[in-house]
Each structure stands twice: as structure tokens, then as C-alpha cells.
């Protein structure tokens, strides 16, 4: 069966004798694995341009007998983010965002959720390529928004204990996806004696708490609620605030997914 789809090439790797498999994220079919015959040999004709990583295009594909693998017939480039390849850190971050999206769209989610996630990815790649935006902010916004779209939206409306909406100092309870103000966290720590801590350990429960300042909390709230076109239209006062925002978003997402990514580790090695 021949199908025509629009999508972004999110993963690409060689296989067999000079062949290549790409994974395309599409708004209506989710993640598709596509075989490019001769794609690793440089003799794949027009496929060389429109099946490169970070390319959004229109593709004609044959569906294989098993239904899990498609075969490339032809395509055309709609938008290429080739400029990302000129900067190692931005390219590494873009690779991680694509890898994360490909992982998420391999699960059972609605077309609307997949389409929103793909649109968010395209906006993020555009922001990284154009510059003018902090890569750490782009990364953190994407991670929080992706978590929300996939059903892991944290409750940041106020302290989960007392309801305080604008605490001077707060903590992000990663495992439960909720906010706790500093006063309530202090009281909680007093109540949690050694026996309670020991009982938690025996039950295999984990407590992961990230401190968040008022500006970091405001950035997290904005990332979850802002319109797509304005989602990166904010800044934090310094690098320390950006890193705090980034740690909270990354830790939350990875704990919900219960996994790490090789592409994320590579990005960390580049920017540190």
C-alpha cells in the first residue's frame, strides 16, 4: 500500500549493505520506520537531501507486509533545519529533542497529542537554529511541555499542602508532580522521623525534591500554559536560574519516563 505523509526525520542510522533506516514523526501516523535502499552509500539520489536528520518534508512510502516497516519511494523537502549542524551544542540538543519525541510517539497517544508534540518540536528546532534563545530554556520548556502533552502534567498552581500560590521559596516534588512551599516542607521534615524514613526505604519509595525560586516557578508555569507562538518569549535573570529551571524540568521528565537517553548524555558532555 502506498501512503503519502508529511513529517520530520527524527532518527537515522545505517543498516545492512549500504542501506539506512530513518524514523519520521508524522502528525497523523505517529512514528514511522522507513528503509532507504542505498541510503548509506551516497547513491540514493533525491533521498539524500529529503531524508537527512532535522528535515521536514513530504514522503511517499510503501508499507511492508508486516506493517511495521515502510520503504521510501520519493519525497520533497518542506523545511530543513540544516543550520543546526554548524554548532555542536545546538546540534546535540536538537538530536536529543528528536530522540525524545521519537520515543514518546512510539507509545499509544492520540493524533492530537502527536500533532501537538510534533509542532512543539518544530518550534524548538526553529528557535535553536535562529538563535536568540537560550538553549537551556528551549530544552527545559520542551521537556515540561512534552511531559504535559503525554499525560504527566505537574500541578504547580500552589503548595499542595497549604495552597500558597506564590511562595518565597518552594520545592518541586518530582515523584508526585506537585509543589510544596518551604514552610510546609520544613514541617514535613520534622514529622518524618527516622522510623518514617526507614519505612519509606523498605517500601522502595523515593523522594526527589528540587528547590525552585519564584522566578523558576514562574518559568515552569509559563512553559505549561503559554501559546505555542510565544512559548520561548521569556528570560531568566542569570545562568544559575536557567540551570535551576533546566534541572527541574529534566529530572521530572526522566523520572516519569523512568529512563535516560544516550543523546542527552552526549549533550551534557558537550555543554559541560
C-alpha atoms as a PDB file:
ATOM      1  CA  UNK A   1       0.000   0.000   0.000  1.00  0.00           C
ATOM      2  CA  UNK A   2       1.310   3.455  -0.938  1.00  0.00           C
ATOM      3  CA  UNK A   3       0.829   6.320   1.500  1.00  0.00           C
ATOM      4  CA  UNK A   4       1.835   9.993   1.423  1.00  0.00           C
ATOM      5  CA  UNK A   5       2.763  11.705   4.677  1.00  0.00           C
ATOM      6  CA  UNK A   6       4.266  14.903   6.000  1.00  0.00           C
ATOM      7  CA  UNK A   7       6.798  14.522   8.773  1.00  0.00           C
ATOM      8  CA  UNK A   8      10.153  15.245  10.384  1.00  0.00           C
ATOM      9  CA  UNK A   9      13.150  12.920  10.185  1.00  0.00           C
ATOM     10  CA  UNK A  10      13.960  12.406  13.875  1.00  0.00           C
ATOM     11  CA  UNK A  11      16.356   9.437  13.738  1.00  0.00           C
ATOM     12  CA  UNK A  12      18.677   7.977  11.116  1.00  0.00           C
ATOM     13  CA  UNK A  13      21.044   5.001  11.259  1.00  0.00           C
ATOM     14  CA  UNK A  14      22.761   2.648   8.785  1.00  0.00           C
ATOM     15  CA  UNK A  15      21.679  -0.956   8.375  1.00  0.00           C
ATOM     16  CA  UNK A  16      22.626  -3.836   6.086  1.00  0.00           C
ATOM     17  CA  UNK A  17      24.709  -3.274   2.953  1.00  0.00           C
ATOM     18  CA  UNK A  18      24.718   0.491   2.386  1.00  0.00           C
ATOM     19  CA  UNK A  19      21.070   0.829   3.448  1.00  0.00           C
ATOM     20  CA  UNK A  20      19.680   3.239   6.005  1.00  0.00           C
ATOM     21  CA  UNK A  21      16.620   3.342   8.260  1.00  0.00           C
ATOM     22  CA  UNK A  22      15.052   6.637   9.242  1.00  0.00           C
ATOM     23  CA  UNK A  23      12.260   7.344  11.667  1.00  0.00           C
ATOM     24  CA  UNK A  24       9.773  10.002  10.613  1.00  0.00           C
ATOM     25  CA  UNK A  25       7.452  11.710  13.093  1.00  0.00           C
ATOM     26  CA  UNK A  26       4.121  12.403  11.390  1.00  0.00           C
ATOM     27  CA  UNK A  27       1.056  14.208  12.781  1.00  0.00           C
ATOM     28  CA  UNK A  28      -1.433  11.544  11.685  1.00  0.00           C
ATOM     29  CA  UNK A  29       0.528   8.258  11.662  1.00  0.00           C
ATOM     30  CA  UNK A  30       2.835   8.786  14.632  1.00  0.00           C
ATOM     31  CA  UNK A  31       6.353   7.399  14.296  1.00  0.00           C
ATOM     32  CA  UNK A  32       7.176   5.532  11.072  1.00  0.00           C
ATOM     33  CA  UNK A  33      10.315   3.472  10.414  1.00  0.00           C
ATOM     34  CA  UNK A  34      11.385   3.787   6.779  1.00  0.00           C
ATOM     35  CA  UNK A  35      14.017   1.834   4.818  1.00  0.00           C
ATOM     36  CA  UNK A  36      16.159   3.810   2.347  1.00  0.00           C
ATOM     37  CA  UNK A  37      17.856   1.439  -0.082  1.00  0.00           C
ATOM     38  CA  UNK A  38      21.418   2.579  -0.713  1.00  0.00           C
ATOM     39  CA  UNK A  39      20.890   5.410   1.756  1.00  0.00           C
ATOM     40  CA  UNK A  40      24.321   4.984   3.336  1.00  0.00           C
ATOM     41  CA  UNK A  41      26.244   4.725   0.096  1.00  0.00           C
ATOM     42  CA  UNK A  42      25.656   8.208  -1.283  1.00  0.00           C
ATOM     43  CA  UNK A  43      23.870   6.739  -4.321  1.00  0.00           C
ATOM     44  CA  UNK A  44      20.309   7.287  -3.097  1.00  0.00           C
ATOM     45  CA  UNK A  45      19.501  10.184  -5.443  1.00  0.00           C
ATOM     46  CA  UNK A  46      16.998  12.725  -4.139  1.00  0.00           C
ATOM     47  CA  UNK A  47      16.641  10.690  -0.949  1.00  0.00           C
ATOM     48  CA  UNK A  48      19.979  12.115   0.182  1.00  0.00           C
ATOM     49  CA  UNK A  49      18.511  15.592   0.674  1.00  0.00           C
ATOM     50  CA  UNK A  50      14.988  14.943   1.918  1.00  0.00           C
ATOM     51  CA  UNK A  51      15.762  12.085   4.326  1.00  0.00           C
ATOM     52  CA  UNK A  52      18.509  13.771   6.311  1.00  0.00           C
ATOM     53  CA  UNK A  53      18.132  14.310  10.053  1.00  0.00           C
ATOM     54  CA  UNK A  54      16.228  17.502  11.018  1.00  0.00           C
ATOM     55  CA  UNK A  55      14.380  17.597   7.670  1.00  0.00           C
ATOM     56  CA  UNK A  56      10.637  18.184   7.463  1.00  0.00           C
ATOM     57  CA  UNK A  57       9.201  17.006   4.170  1.00  0.00           C
ATOM     58  CA  UNK A  58       6.532  15.194   2.193  1.00  0.00           C
ATOM     59  CA  UNK A  59       7.155  11.471   1.661  1.00  0.00           C
ATOM     60  CA  UNK A  60       5.746   8.681  -0.496  1.00  0.00           C
ATOM     61  CA  UNK A  61       6.112   5.350   1.278  1.00  0.00           C
ATOM     62  CA  UNK A  62       5.268   1.729   0.589  1.00  0.00           C
ATOM     63  CA  UNK A  63       4.023  -0.197   3.586  1.00  0.00           C
ATOM     64  CA  UNK A  64       5.778  -3.524   4.106  1.00  0.00           C
ATOM     65  CA  UNK A  65       3.931  -6.804   4.522  1.00  0.00           C
ATOM     66  CA  UNK A  66       4.356  -6.811   8.298  1.00  0.00           C
ATOM     67  CA  UNK A  67       3.138  -3.238   8.593  1.00  0.00           C
ATOM     68  CA  UNK A  68       5.984  -2.114  10.895  1.00  0.00           C
ATOM     69  CA  UNK A  69       8.474  -1.089   8.218  1.00  0.00           C
ATOM     70  CA  UNK A  70       7.933   1.254   5.269  1.00  0.00           C
ATOM     71  CA  UNK A  71      10.005   1.622   2.108  1.00  0.00           C
ATOM     72  CA  UNK A  72      10.948   5.013   0.720  1.00  0.00           C
ATOM     73  CA  UNK A  73       9.672   5.771  -2.788  1.00  0.00           C
ATOM     74  CA  UNK A  74      10.120   9.533  -3.086  1.00  0.00           C
ATOM     75  CA  UNK A  75       9.865  12.818  -1.286  1.00  0.00           C
ATOM     76  CA  UNK A  76      10.465  16.543  -1.208  1.00  0.00           C
ATOM     77  CA  UNK A  77      11.844  18.981   1.350  1.00  0.00           C
ATOM     78  CA  UNK A  78       9.431  21.384   3.015  1.00  0.00           C
ATOM     79  CA  UNK A  79      11.777  22.774   5.674  1.00  0.00           C
ATOM     80  CA  UNK A  80      15.346  21.856   6.512  1.00  0.00           C
ATOM     81  CA  UNK A  81      16.994  22.668   9.832  1.00  0.00           C
ATOM     82  CA  UNK A  82      20.439  22.017   8.357  1.00  0.00           C
ATOM     83  CA  UNK A  83      21.809  25.132  10.054  1.00  0.00           C
ATOM     84  CA  UNK A  84      21.820  23.245  13.354  1.00  0.00           C
ATOM     85  CA  UNK A  85      24.750  21.155  12.146  1.00  0.00           C
ATOM     86  CA  UNK A  86      27.076  24.190  12.250  1.00  0.00           C
ATOM     87  CA  UNK A  87      27.046  24.327  16.074  1.00  0.00           C
ATOM     88  CA  UNK A  88      27.898  21.168  18.020  1.00  0.00           C
ATOM     89  CA  UNK A  89      25.983  22.054  21.201  1.00  0.00           C
ATOM     90  CA  UNK A  90      22.802  23.056  19.372  1.00  0.00           C
ATOM     91  CA  UNK A  91      23.031  20.027  17.091  1.00  0.00           C
ATOM     92  CA  UNK A  92      23.458  17.749  20.133  1.00  0.00           C
ATOM     93  CA  UNK A  93      20.443  19.310  21.832  1.00  0.00           C
ATOM     94  CA  UNK A  94      18.329  19.040  18.668  1.00  0.00           C
ATOM     95  CA  UNK A  95      19.308  15.365  18.362  1.00  0.00           C
ATOM     96  CA  UNK A  96      18.156  14.743  21.949  1.00  0.00           C
ATOM     97  CA  UNK A  97      14.826  16.541  21.389  1.00  0.00           C
ATOM     98  CA  UNK A  98      14.209  14.489  18.241  1.00  0.00           C
ATOM     99  CA  UNK A  99      15.189  11.292  20.048  1.00  0.00           C
ATOM    100  CA  UNK A 100      12.839  12.112  22.924  1.00  0.00           C
ATOM    101  CA  UNK A 101       9.979  12.859  20.526  1.00  0.00           C
ATOM    102  CA  UNK A 102      10.548   9.628  18.619  1.00  0.00           C
ATOM    103  CA  UNK A 103      10.449   7.710  21.899  1.00  0.00           C
ATOM    104  CA  UNK A 104       7.234   9.363  23.043  1.00  0.00           C
ATOM    105  CA  UNK A 105       5.409   8.996  19.729  1.00  0.00           C
ATOM    106  CA  UNK A 106       6.136   5.269  19.747  1.00  0.00           C
ATOM    107  CA  UNK A 107       3.580   4.914  22.528  1.00  0.00           C
ATOM    108  CA  UNK A 108      -0.199   4.898  22.281  1.00  0.00           C
ATOM    109  CA  UNK A 109      -1.301   8.508  22.032  1.00  0.00           C
ATOM    110  CA  UNK A 110      -4.000  10.326  20.106  1.00  0.00           C
ATOM    111  CA  UNK A 111      -3.356  12.075  16.783  1.00  0.00           C
ATOM    112  CA  UNK A 112      -3.984  15.410  18.501  1.00  0.00           C
ATOM    113  CA  UNK A 113      -1.295  14.738  21.132  1.00  0.00           C
ATOM    114  CA  UNK A 114       1.198  13.583  18.492  1.00  0.00           C
ATOM    115  CA  UNK A 115       0.453  16.593  16.283  1.00  0.00           C
ATOM    116  CA  UNK A 116       0.959  18.977  19.217  1.00  0.00           C
ATOM    117  CA  UNK A 117       4.232  17.308  20.174  1.00  0.00           C
ATOM    118  CA  UNK A 118       5.497  17.487  16.585  1.00  0.00           C
ATOM    119  CA  UNK A 119       4.558  21.167  16.368  1.00  0.00           C
ATOM    120  CA  UNK A 120       6.392  21.800  19.630  1.00  0.00           C
ATOM    121  CA  UNK A 121       9.467  20.013  18.262  1.00  0.00           C
ATOM    122  CA  UNK A 122       9.427  22.066  15.064  1.00  0.00           C
ATOM    123  CA  UNK A 123       9.134  25.294  17.069  1.00  0.00           C
ATOM    124  CA  UNK A 124      12.061  24.198  19.250  1.00  0.00           C
ATOM    125  CA  UNK A 125      14.284  23.362  16.270  1.00  0.00           C
ATOM    126  CA  UNK A 126      13.435  26.719  14.706  1.00  0.00           C
ATOM    127  CA  UNK A 127      14.323  28.529  17.957  1.00  0.00           C
ATOM    128  CA  UNK A 128      17.645  26.685  18.224  1.00  0.00           C
ATOM    129  CA  UNK A 129      18.558  27.328  14.583  1.00  0.00           C
ATOM    130  CA  UNK A 130      17.658  31.018  14.602  1.00  0.00           C
ATOM    131  CA  UNK A 131      19.464  31.760  17.863  1.00  0.00           C
ATOM    132  CA  UNK A 132      18.424  34.490  20.248  1.00  0.00           C
ATOM    133  CA  UNK A 133      17.054  31.928  22.702  1.00  0.00           C
ATOM    134  CA  UNK A 134      18.923  30.203  25.486  1.00  0.00           C
ATOM    135  CA  UNK A 135      19.350  26.519  24.574  1.00  0.00           C
ATOM    136  CA  UNK A 136      18.837  25.602  28.249  1.00  0.00           C
ATOM    137  CA  UNK A 137      15.469  27.362  28.253  1.00  0.00           C
ATOM    138  CA  UNK A 138      14.432  25.756  24.950  1.00  0.00           C
ATOM    139  CA  UNK A 139      15.348  22.341  26.359  1.00  0.00           C
ATOM    140  CA  UNK A 140      13.516  22.834  29.667  1.00  0.00           C
ATOM    141  CA  UNK A 141      10.392  24.246  28.031  1.00  0.00           C
ATOM    142  CA  UNK A 142      10.265  21.318  25.615  1.00  0.00           C
ATOM    143  CA  UNK A 143      10.704  18.753  28.399  1.00  0.00           C
ATOM    144  CA  UNK A 144       7.959  20.224  30.576  1.00  0.00           C
ATOM    145  CA  UNK A 145       5.565  20.703  27.662  1.00  0.00           C
ATOM    146  CA  UNK A 146       6.268  17.193  26.353  1.00  0.00           C
ATOM    147  CA  UNK A 147       5.591  15.724  29.803  1.00  0.00           C
ATOM    148  CA  UNK A 148       2.312  17.613  29.956  1.00  0.00           C
ATOM    149  CA  UNK A 149       1.212  16.532  26.468  1.00  0.00           C
ATOM    150  CA  UNK A 150       1.963  12.897  27.281  1.00  0.00           C
ATOM    151  CA  UNK A 151      -0.204  12.950  30.411  1.00  0.00           C
ATOM    152  CA  UNK A 152       2.375  13.776  33.102  1.00  0.00           C
ATOM    153  CA  UNK A 153       1.413  17.400  33.769  1.00  0.00           C
ATOM    154  CA  UNK A 154       2.590  18.550  37.229  1.00  0.00           C
ATOM    155  CA  UNK A 155       0.341  20.625  39.485  1.00  0.00           C
ATOM    156  CA  UNK A 156       2.130  23.932  40.035  1.00  0.00           C
ATOM    157  CA  UNK A 157      -0.886  26.074  40.959  1.00  0.00           C
ATOM    158  CA  UNK A 158       0.199  26.341  44.584  1.00  0.00           C
ATOM    159  CA  UNK A 159       1.564  24.493  47.592  1.00  0.00           C
ATOM    160  CA  UNK A 160      -0.060  21.062  47.678  1.00  0.00           C
ATOM    161  CA  UNK A 161      -0.325  21.285  51.485  1.00  0.00           C
ATOM    162  CA  UNK A 162      -1.366  24.835  52.411  1.00  0.00           C
ATOM    163  CA  UNK A 163      -2.385  26.199  48.990  1.00  0.00           C
ATOM    164  CA  UNK A 164       0.010  29.179  48.963  1.00  0.00           C
ATOM    165  CA  UNK A 165       0.163  30.296  45.327  1.00  0.00           C
ATOM    166  CA  UNK A 166       3.291  32.470  45.400  1.00  0.00           C
ATOM    167  CA  UNK A 167       5.730  31.123  47.998  1.00  0.00           C
ATOM    168  CA  UNK A 168       9.034  32.912  48.547  1.00  0.00           C
ATOM    169  CA  UNK A 169      10.781  29.579  48.389  1.00  0.00           C
ATOM    170  CA  UNK A 170       9.321  26.277  47.239  1.00  0.00           C
ATOM    171  CA  UNK A 171      10.246  22.723  46.380  1.00  0.00           C
ATOM    172  CA  UNK A 172       9.185  20.689  43.373  1.00  0.00           C
ATOM    173  CA  UNK A 173       8.191  17.183  44.488  1.00  0.00           C
ATOM    174  CA  UNK A 174       9.379  15.313  41.389  1.00  0.00           C
ATOM    175  CA  UNK A 175       7.869  11.915  42.109  1.00  0.00           C
ATOM    176  CA  UNK A 176       4.394  13.281  42.853  1.00  0.00           C
ATOM    177  CA  UNK A 177       4.438  16.187  40.389  1.00  0.00           C
ATOM    178  CA  UNK A 178       3.449  18.793  42.934  1.00  0.00           C
ATOM    179  CA  UNK A 179       4.658  21.941  44.668  1.00  0.00           C
ATOM    180  CA  UNK A 180       5.487  22.259  48.383  1.00  0.00           C
ATOM    181  CA  UNK A 181       6.327  25.598  49.992  1.00  0.00           C
ATOM    182  CA  UNK A 182       9.406  25.866  52.206  1.00  0.00           C
ATOM    183  CA  UNK A 183       7.378  26.162  55.439  1.00  0.00           C
ATOM    184  CA  UNK A 184       5.330  23.046  54.714  1.00  0.00           C
ATOM    185  CA  UNK A 185       8.431  21.136  53.654  1.00  0.00           C
ATOM    186  CA  UNK A 186      10.144  22.062  56.932  1.00  0.00           C
ATOM    187  CA  UNK A 187       7.134  20.843  58.923  1.00  0.00           C
ATOM    188  CA  UNK A 188       7.045  17.681  56.838  1.00  0.00           C
ATOM    189  CA  UNK A 189      10.719  17.008  57.531  1.00  0.00           C
ATOM    190  CA  UNK A 190      10.103  17.358  61.292  1.00  0.00           C
ATOM    191  CA  UNK A 191       7.211  14.898  61.136  1.00  0.00           C
ATOM    192  CA  UNK A 192       9.197  12.414  59.087  1.00  0.00           C
ATOM    193  CA  UNK A 193      11.302  10.880  61.816  1.00  0.00           C
ATOM    194  CA  UNK A 194      13.856   8.168  61.350  1.00  0.00           C
ATOM    195  CA  UNK A 195      11.214   5.433  61.539  1.00  0.00           C
ATOM    196  CA  UNK A 196       9.216   7.031  58.717  1.00  0.00           C
ATOM    197  CA  UNK A 197      12.306   7.447  56.552  1.00  0.00           C
ATOM    198  CA  UNK A 198      13.273   3.817  57.217  1.00  0.00           C
ATOM    199  CA  UNK A 199       9.742   2.668  56.318  1.00  0.00           C
ATOM    200  CA  UNK A 200       9.885   4.604  53.023  1.00  0.00           C
ATOM    201  CA  UNK A 201      13.180   2.935  52.152  1.00  0.00           C
ATOM    202  CA  UNK A 202      11.803  -0.519  52.923  1.00  0.00           C
ATOM    203  CA  UNK A 203       8.804   0.121  50.673  1.00  0.00           C
ATOM    204  CA  UNK A 204      11.100   1.224  47.848  1.00  0.00           C
ATOM    205  CA  UNK A 205       9.631   4.727  47.762  1.00  0.00           C
ATOM    206  CA  UNK A 206      11.797   7.601  46.557  1.00  0.00           C
ATOM    207  CA  UNK A 207      11.649  11.273  47.448  1.00  0.00           C
ATOM    208  CA  UNK A 208      13.210  13.565  44.865  1.00  0.00           C
ATOM    209  CA  UNK A 209      12.894  17.258  45.728  1.00  0.00           C
ATOM    210  CA  UNK A 210      14.146  20.195  43.630  1.00  0.00           C
ATOM    211  CA  UNK A 211      14.294  23.700  45.151  1.00  0.00           C
ATOM    212  CA  UNK A 212      12.677  26.339  42.932  1.00  0.00           C
ATOM    213  CA  UNK A 213      12.845  30.119  43.288  1.00  0.00           C
ATOM    214  CA  UNK A 214       9.867  32.366  42.465  1.00  0.00           C
ATOM    215  CA  UNK A 215      11.334  33.156  39.022  1.00  0.00           C
ATOM    216  CA  UNK A 216      11.999  29.474  38.270  1.00  0.00           C
ATOM    217  CA  UNK A 217       8.451  28.602  39.334  1.00  0.00           C
ATOM    218  CA  UNK A 218       7.093  31.387  37.102  1.00  0.00           C
ATOM    219  CA  UNK A 219       9.099  29.994  34.160  1.00  0.00           C
ATOM    220  CA  UNK A 220       7.732  26.484  34.767  1.00  0.00           C
ATOM    221  CA  UNK A 221       4.162  27.759  34.904  1.00  0.00           C
ATOM    222  CA  UNK A 222       4.673  29.789  31.741  1.00  0.00           C
ATOM    223  CA  UNK A 223       6.128  26.789  29.894  1.00  0.00           C
ATOM    224  CA  UNK A 224       2.997  24.760  30.665  1.00  0.00           C
ATOM    225  CA  UNK A 225       0.416  27.406  29.741  1.00  0.00           C
ATOM    226  CA  UNK A 226       1.831  29.791  27.103  1.00  0.00           C
ATOM    227  CA  UNK A 227       0.576  29.749  23.486  1.00  0.00           C
ATOM    228  CA  UNK A 228       2.857  27.866  21.090  1.00  0.00           C
ATOM    229  CA  UNK A 229       3.949  31.026  19.265  1.00  0.00           C
ATOM    230  CA  UNK A 230       5.101  32.716  22.482  1.00  0.00           C
ATOM    231  CA  UNK A 231       6.386  29.747  24.427  1.00  0.00           C
ATOM    232  CA  UNK A 232      10.034  30.877  24.407  1.00  0.00           C
ATOM    233  CA  UNK A 233       9.259  34.586  24.881  1.00  0.00           C
ATOM    234  CA  UNK A 234      10.755  34.985  28.340  1.00  0.00           C
ATOM    235  CA  UNK A 235      14.139  35.073  30.003  1.00  0.00           C
ATOM    236  CA  UNK A 236      15.635  34.332  33.406  1.00  0.00           C
ATOM    237  CA  UNK A 237      17.979  36.717  35.180  1.00  0.00           C
ATOM    238  CA  UNK A 238      21.140  34.620  35.038  1.00  0.00           C
ATOM    239  CA  UNK A 239      22.736  31.301  34.147  1.00  0.00           C
ATOM    240  CA  UNK A 240      22.080  29.911  37.638  1.00  0.00           C
ATOM    241  CA  UNK A 241      18.317  30.442  37.235  1.00  0.00           C
ATOM    242  CA  UNK A 242      18.396  28.811  33.797  1.00  0.00           C
ATOM    243  CA  UNK A 243      20.203  25.791  35.194  1.00  0.00           C
ATOM    244  CA  UNK A 244      17.710  25.513  38.069  1.00  0.00           C
ATOM    245  CA  UNK A 245      14.838  25.596  35.587  1.00  0.00           C
ATOM    246  CA  UNK A 246      16.621  23.023  33.435  1.00  0.00           C
ATOM    247  CA  UNK A 247      17.330  20.633  36.324  1.00  0.00           C
ATOM    248  CA  UNK A 248      13.719  20.686  37.490  1.00  0.00           C
ATOM    249  CA  UNK A 249      12.290  20.022  34.009  1.00  0.00           C
ATOM    250  CA  UNK A 250      14.806  17.316  33.082  1.00  0.00           C
ATOM    251  CA  UNK A 251      14.577  15.492  36.414  1.00  0.00           C
ATOM    252  CA  UNK A 252      10.782  15.493  36.299  1.00  0.00           C
ATOM    253  CA  UNK A 253      10.564  14.158  32.754  1.00  0.00           C
ATOM    254  CA  UNK A 254      13.200  11.431  33.165  1.00  0.00           C
ATOM    255  CA  UNK A 255      11.635  10.217  36.411  1.00  0.00           C
ATOM    256  CA  UNK A 256       8.214   9.987  34.794  1.00  0.00           C
ATOM    257  CA  UNK A 257       9.649   8.060  31.836  1.00  0.00           C
ATOM    258  CA  UNK A 258      11.929   6.022  34.135  1.00  0.00           C
ATOM    259  CA  UNK A 259      14.811   6.142  31.679  1.00  0.00           C
ATOM    260  CA  UNK A 260      17.704   8.239  30.385  1.00  0.00           C
ATOM    261  CA  UNK A 261      18.868   8.929  26.808  1.00  0.00           C
ATOM    262  CA  UNK A 262      22.305   8.461  25.247  1.00  0.00           C
ATOM    263  CA  UNK A 263      21.686  11.622  23.214  1.00  0.00           C
ATOM    264  CA  UNK A 264      21.049  13.556  26.429  1.00  0.00           C
ATOM    265  CA  UNK A 265      24.280  12.275  27.955  1.00  0.00           C
ATOM    266  CA  UNK A 266      26.133  13.389  24.820  1.00  0.00           C
ATOM    267  CA  UNK A 267      24.562  16.845  25.036  1.00  0.00           C
ATOM    268  CA  UNK A 268      25.629  17.105  28.676  1.00  0.00           C
ATOM    269  CA  UNK A 269      29.201  16.159  27.712  1.00  0.00           C
ATOM    270  CA  UNK A 270      29.268  18.907  25.091  1.00  0.00           C
ATOM    271  CA  UNK A 271      27.962  21.775  27.243  1.00  0.00           C
ATOM    272  CA  UNK A 272      29.757  20.953  30.499  1.00  0.00           C
END
